[in-house]
Amino acid sequence: MDKRAAITIIFIFFLAVSTLSGCSEEPESFSFSRTELPLISFMGFEIPVFPTARDQMNYAKSGFPDSREKIAAFKALFKLFPEFRLECGEAALSLAYLNLGVDYRFAQKKDILAAVQDYNTVLQNFKEVPQIIVKTYWYLGWLHCNLLHEKREGLDFFWQIVKSYPGIQMGISSPVPWVSLVYPATGKTSHPEEKKIKKKWGALALLEIVEHAADKTETVKAFDCLWQAYPGTVSTGLAIKYLLKKKIHIQKVLPCAETYLDLNIANSFLSDEIRILKGEF
C-alpha cells in the first residue's frame, strides 16, 4: 500500500471516529480530495499537503503512532500556511501542550515548565490574534493553579482573561479534554433567549477563580462578576454548585441557584446536583 492510499484510509477512519465520539464541537469536514494529496519531506516524515490551513490543522490533530510525526505535522503548518495566523496559533498551542506528554497528570515539573515557556512564547508571537491569546492565558492559569500549585500566579492569568477578553467565544477546541460544558439538546425554558448564549472564555476563567481563590472575598467577587455577566452559562451553574457545596456566601447563592434552575440551561446532572445541594439549606 503506498503512502497516499494509507493517508486516505487514516482520514476516513479519523472522520468516522470524530463523528461518533460526541465531541463538544461540531465535527469539521475536510475540503481536500481524498484520492490525491501531494507530499513534502519535513523533519524526516512525509507530510501530506492540504488545500487549506484548516484541513492541515485537522490532519495534525489526528492520531499518529509516533509523537515526532505529530510534532512535524503541527510545525508543517508554519511552513505551508504562515499567513494563516489562527491556525498557526492553534498549532503553537498544541505543540506547547505536547510537553506534558500523553497524560498531563504524570508530567514532570521540567516538562510543565517547558510548557509554560512555550505558552509564553505564544503570547509574544501571536499578539494580534485574540482567540489564541485568550486560550494561552487560560492554559497558563491552569498550569500554575493545577500542576505547579502556584495559585496566585494562575489566578492573575484568569483575571487577565476577564479584564481583556470577556466576550470571546470558545470557538476553537476546548483546552483540555475534560473542559466540555454540555448544554441540553432540547428543553423548555422561560427565557428562550438564554439558549443562544455560547461558551465564553470569560465565564470559564471566572469559574476557575471561584474554585481556586484562597481568599473568600476574591471568590465572592468572581462569582458576582460571573452572575452579572454570564448568568445563563454552565460555568455559572458549576460555580453555584461549588459554592453550595463549600457553604460559601449561602444567602446570596441560594436565590441565584433558584433563578439559574429556572433558566433550564444546564444538563440534567448538574441541575439535579444543584437542587440536592440547595435542599440542604
Protein backbone atom coordinates (compact mmCIF):
# COMPACT_ATOMS: atom_id res chain seq x y z
CA MET A 1 0.00 0.00 0.00
CA ASP A 2 1.51 3.37 -1.00
CA LYS A 3 1.72 6.45 1.21
CA ARG A 4 -1.23 8.27 -0.36
CA ALA A 5 -3.55 5.28 -0.01
CA ALA A 6 -2.56 4.86 3.62
CA ILE A 7 -3.26 8.52 4.31
CA THR A 8 -6.67 8.23 2.68
CA ILE A 9 -7.60 5.29 4.92
CA ILE A 10 -6.37 7.13 8.02
CA PHE A 11 -8.53 10.14 7.25
CA ILE A 12 -11.67 8.14 6.56
CA PHE A 13 -11.16 6.42 9.93
CA PHE A 14 -10.44 9.72 11.67
CA LEU A 15 -13.58 11.34 10.33
CA ALA A 16 -15.71 8.39 11.40
CA VAL A 17 -14.28 8.48 14.92
CA SER A 18 -14.77 12.25 15.16
CA THR A 19 -18.41 11.93 14.13
CA LEU A 20 -19.16 9.17 16.64
CA SER A 21 -17.12 10.43 19.59
CA GLY A 22 -19.56 13.08 20.80
CA CYS A 23 -17.07 15.94 20.66
CA SER A 24 -18.04 19.23 22.29
CA GLU A 25 -17.80 20.93 18.92
CA GLU A 26 -19.37 20.18 15.56
CA PRO A 27 -17.09 17.85 13.55
CA GLU A 28 -15.12 19.79 10.97
CA SER A 29 -15.18 18.42 7.43
CA PHE A 30 -12.12 18.26 5.24
CA SER A 31 -12.20 20.08 1.92
CA PHE A 32 -9.39 18.05 0.33
CA SER A 33 -9.72 15.43 -2.37
CA ARG A 34 -9.18 12.08 -0.72
CA THR A 35 -7.74 10.46 -3.80
CA GLU A 36 -4.61 12.54 -4.44
CA LEU A 37 -2.55 14.52 -1.96
CA PRO A 38 0.90 15.97 -2.63
CA LEU A 39 3.56 15.13 -0.07
CA ILE A 40 6.51 17.09 1.32
CA SER A 41 9.51 15.74 3.20
CA PHE A 42 9.62 17.56 6.53
CA MET A 43 11.58 16.73 9.69
CA GLY A 44 12.14 13.20 8.41
CA PHE A 45 8.49 12.47 7.61
CA GLU A 46 6.30 12.55 4.52
CA ILE A 47 3.63 15.14 5.31
CA PRO A 48 0.55 15.46 3.07
CA VAL A 49 -0.23 18.98 1.84
CA PHE A 50 -3.87 20.04 2.03
CA PRO A 51 -5.70 22.79 0.14
CA THR A 52 -6.47 24.80 3.29
CA ALA A 53 -4.83 25.62 6.60
CA ARG A 54 -7.87 24.25 8.46
CA ASP A 55 -7.55 20.88 6.72
CA GLN A 56 -3.84 20.86 7.51
CA MET A 57 -4.65 21.58 11.16
CA ASN A 58 -7.24 18.79 11.29
CA TYR A 59 -4.62 16.39 9.96
CA ALA A 60 -2.11 17.47 12.61
CA LYS A 61 -4.71 16.94 15.34
CA SER A 62 -5.39 13.36 14.23
CA GLY A 63 -3.71 10.33 15.74
CA PHE A 64 -0.09 9.38 15.00
CA PRO A 65 1.83 6.30 16.15
CA ASP A 66 4.97 8.43 16.53
CA SER A 67 4.82 11.64 18.58
CA ARG A 68 7.67 13.03 16.48
CA GLU A 69 5.50 12.79 13.39
CA LYS A 70 2.70 14.66 15.18
CA ILE A 71 5.15 17.43 16.09
CA ALA A 72 6.28 17.56 12.46
CA ALA A 73 2.65 17.76 11.30
CA PHE A 74 1.99 20.77 13.53
CA LYS A 75 5.23 22.50 12.58
CA ALA A 76 4.49 21.95 8.91
CA LEU A 77 1.66 24.46 9.29
CA PHE A 78 4.20 27.23 9.90
CA LYS A 79 5.97 26.32 6.68
CA LEU A 80 2.93 25.71 4.49
CA PHE A 81 0.47 28.37 5.74
CA PRO A 82 2.45 31.09 7.56
CA GLU A 83 -0.12 33.78 6.71
CA PHE A 84 -2.97 31.89 8.44
CA ARG A 85 -2.33 33.16 11.92
CA LEU A 86 -5.25 31.49 13.70
CA GLU A 87 -4.30 28.00 12.53
CA CYS A 88 -0.61 28.63 13.19
CA GLY A 89 -1.51 29.84 16.66
CA GLU A 90 -3.53 26.68 17.30
CA ALA A 91 -0.54 24.64 16.16
CA ALA A 92 1.74 26.54 18.55
CA LEU A 93 -0.69 25.90 21.41
CA SER A 94 -0.82 22.21 20.58
CA LEU A 95 2.97 21.97 20.46
CA ALA A 96 3.21 23.60 23.88
CA TYR A 97 0.69 21.14 25.30
CA LEU A 98 2.66 18.18 23.92
CA ASN A 99 5.35 18.97 26.50
CA LEU A 100 3.02 17.44 29.10
CA GLY A 101 3.13 14.00 27.49
CA VAL A 102 0.30 11.56 26.94
CA ASP A 103 -1.32 12.32 30.33
CA TYR A 104 -0.70 15.72 31.94
CA ARG A 105 -1.30 14.22 35.41
CA PHE A 106 2.03 12.40 35.16
CA ALA A 107 4.02 15.29 33.70
CA GLN A 108 7.34 16.05 35.38
CA LYS A 109 7.99 19.56 36.66
CA LYS A 110 10.61 20.18 33.97
CA ASP A 111 8.01 19.29 31.33
CA ILE A 112 5.42 21.59 32.90
CA LEU A 113 7.95 24.43 32.97
CA ALA A 114 8.80 23.73 29.32
CA ALA A 115 5.09 24.05 28.50
CA VAL A 116 4.90 27.34 30.42
CA GLN A 117 7.87 28.66 28.48
CA ASP A 118 6.30 27.68 25.17
CA TYR A 119 2.98 29.28 26.10
CA ASN A 120 4.79 32.49 26.99
CA THR A 121 6.40 32.36 23.55
CA VAL A 122 2.92 32.06 22.02
CA LEU A 123 1.92 35.25 23.86
CA GLN A 124 4.82 37.04 22.22
CA ASN A 125 4.33 35.63 18.73
CA PHE A 126 0.55 35.92 18.34
CA LYS A 127 -0.32 39.22 19.97
CA GLU A 128 -2.60 40.13 17.08
CA VAL A 129 -4.78 37.01 17.40
CA PRO A 130 -7.05 37.40 20.46
CA GLN A 131 -8.55 33.91 20.08
CA ILE A 132 -5.06 32.48 20.59
CA ILE A 133 -4.00 34.87 23.34
CA VAL A 134 -7.08 34.22 25.48
CA LYS A 135 -6.60 30.46 25.23
CA THR A 136 -2.92 30.86 26.10
CA TYR A 137 -3.83 32.82 29.24
CA TRP A 138 -6.20 30.03 30.20
CA TYR A 139 -3.50 27.39 29.76
CA LEU A 140 -1.04 29.41 31.85
CA GLY A 141 -3.63 29.89 34.58
CA TRP A 142 -4.44 26.18 34.54
CA LEU A 143 -0.79 25.10 34.63
CA HIS A 144 0.05 27.40 37.55
CA CYS A 145 -3.07 26.57 39.57
CA ASN A 146 -3.40 22.84 38.93
CA LEU A 147 0.04 21.49 38.11
CA LEU A 148 2.54 23.89 39.67
CA HIS A 149 0.28 24.75 42.63
CA GLU A 150 1.11 28.43 42.30
CA LYS A 151 -2.42 29.70 42.81
CA ARG A 152 -1.73 33.42 42.85
CA GLU A 153 0.15 33.37 39.56
CA GLY A 154 -2.57 31.27 37.97
CA LEU A 155 -5.40 33.47 39.23
CA ASP A 156 -3.71 36.53 37.75
CA PHE A 157 -3.85 34.91 34.30
CA PHE A 158 -7.55 34.14 34.73
CA TRP A 159 -8.28 37.72 35.81
CA GLN A 160 -6.43 38.90 32.71
CA ILE A 161 -8.95 37.00 30.60
CA VAL A 162 -11.84 38.58 32.49
CA LYS A 163 -10.34 42.04 32.09
CA SER A 164 -9.17 41.92 28.48
CA TYR A 165 -11.15 39.19 26.70
CA PRO A 166 -14.53 38.85 28.43
CA GLY A 167 -16.63 38.30 25.31
CA ILE A 168 -14.55 35.95 23.19
CA GLN A 169 -16.35 32.69 22.50
CA MET A 170 -14.68 29.31 22.81
CA GLY A 171 -14.69 28.97 19.04
CA ILE A 172 -11.73 26.60 18.88
CA SER A 173 -11.48 23.29 20.67
CA SER A 174 -11.74 23.06 24.44
CA PRO A 175 -8.38 23.50 26.20
CA VAL A 176 -8.19 20.02 27.67
CA PRO A 177 -10.48 17.00 27.17
CA TRP A 178 -12.38 17.41 30.44
CA VAL A 179 -13.32 21.05 29.80
CA SER A 180 -16.59 20.45 27.99
CA LEU A 181 -19.64 22.34 29.21
CA VAL A 182 -22.63 20.46 27.85
CA TYR A 183 -25.92 22.19 27.02
CA PRO A 184 -29.18 20.22 26.67
CA ALA A 185 -30.26 19.46 23.12
CA THR A 186 -33.87 20.23 23.94
CA GLY A 187 -35.92 21.62 26.79
CA LYS A 188 -38.41 24.30 27.53
CA THR A 189 -37.34 27.49 29.24
CA SER A 190 -39.00 30.68 30.36
CA HIS A 191 -36.01 32.55 28.96
CA PRO A 192 -35.53 31.20 25.41
CA GLU A 193 -33.02 33.92 24.56
CA GLU A 194 -30.59 32.34 27.01
CA LYS A 195 -30.30 29.32 24.70
CA LYS A 196 -28.34 31.48 22.30
CA ILE A 197 -25.55 32.15 24.81
CA LYS A 198 -22.29 30.47 23.79
CA LYS A 199 -19.45 29.29 25.96
CA LYS A 200 -17.25 32.28 26.77
CA TRP A 201 -13.65 32.27 27.94
CA GLY A 202 -14.52 34.98 30.46
CA ALA A 203 -17.11 32.74 32.13
CA LEU A 204 -14.72 29.80 32.26
CA ALA A 205 -11.97 31.98 33.74
CA LEU A 206 -14.29 33.27 36.48
CA LEU A 207 -15.29 29.70 37.32
CA GLU A 208 -11.61 28.84 37.73
CA ILE A 209 -11.18 31.81 40.08
CA VAL A 210 -14.21 30.76 42.14
CA GLU A 211 -12.74 27.29 42.56
CA HIS A 212 -9.11 28.25 43.19
CA ALA A 213 -9.14 31.53 45.14
CA ALA A 214 -7.94 31.10 48.73
CA ASP A 215 -9.49 34.40 49.80
CA LYS A 216 -13.30 34.14 50.10
CA THR A 217 -13.58 37.81 49.23
CA GLU A 218 -11.97 37.10 45.88
CA THR A 219 -14.21 34.04 45.46
CA VAL A 220 -17.35 36.11 46.00
CA LYS A 221 -16.08 38.87 43.73
CA ALA A 222 -15.53 36.35 40.93
CA PHE A 223 -18.98 34.85 41.44
CA ASP A 224 -20.59 38.31 41.40
CA CYS A 225 -18.86 39.02 38.06
CA LEU A 226 -19.93 35.64 36.74
CA TRP A 227 -23.56 36.10 37.76
CA GLN A 228 -23.78 39.61 36.37
CA ALA A 229 -22.04 38.97 33.05
CA TYR A 230 -22.86 35.31 32.29
CA PRO A 231 -25.98 34.26 34.26
CA GLY A 232 -27.09 31.66 31.73
CA THR A 233 -23.90 29.69 31.23
CA VAL A 234 -22.95 26.25 32.51
CA SER A 235 -19.88 27.83 34.09
CA THR A 236 -22.25 29.79 36.33
CA GLY A 237 -24.09 26.61 37.28
CA LEU A 238 -20.83 24.90 38.18
CA ALA A 239 -19.86 27.91 40.32
CA ILE A 240 -23.22 27.76 42.12
CA LYS A 241 -22.71 24.06 42.76
CA TYR A 242 -19.21 24.70 44.13
CA LEU A 243 -20.33 27.50 46.47
CA LEU A 244 -23.29 25.50 47.79
CA LYS A 245 -21.05 22.50 48.41
CA LYS A 246 -18.42 24.62 50.19
CA LYS A 247 -21.12 26.60 52.04
CA ILE A 248 -19.72 29.94 50.88
CA HIS A 249 -21.97 33.03 50.87
CA ILE A 250 -25.11 30.87 51.03
CA GLN A 251 -27.60 33.73 51.47
CA LYS A 252 -26.52 35.19 48.13
CA VAL A 253 -26.09 31.91 46.28
CA LEU A 254 -29.47 30.34 47.15
CA PRO A 255 -31.64 32.85 45.22
CA CYS A 256 -29.17 32.72 42.34
CA ALA A 257 -29.49 28.94 42.31
CA GLU A 258 -33.28 29.20 42.08
CA THR A 259 -33.11 31.69 39.22
CA TYR A 260 -30.47 29.63 37.44
CA LEU A 261 -32.54 26.45 37.58
CA ASP A 262 -35.47 28.32 36.08
CA LEU A 263 -33.32 29.09 33.02
CA ASN A 264 -33.07 25.34 32.27
CA ILE A 265 -29.61 25.82 30.76
CA ALA A 266 -27.55 23.08 32.39
CA ASN A 267 -27.69 19.38 31.65
CA SER A 268 -29.89 17.28 33.92
CA PHE A 269 -26.98 16.00 36.03
CA LEU A 270 -25.79 19.48 37.00
CA SER A 271 -29.35 20.68 37.61
CA ASP A 272 -30.06 17.72 39.88
CA GLU A 273 -26.86 18.31 41.86
CA ILE A 274 -27.77 21.96 42.40
CA ARG A 275 -31.29 21.00 43.54
CA ILE A 276 -29.93 18.45 46.01
CA LEU A 277 -27.41 20.89 47.47
CA LYS A 278 -29.96 23.68 47.62
CA GLY A 279 -32.35 21.41 49.51
CA GLU A 280 -29.81 21.06 52.33
CA PHE A 281 -30.37 24.68 53.40
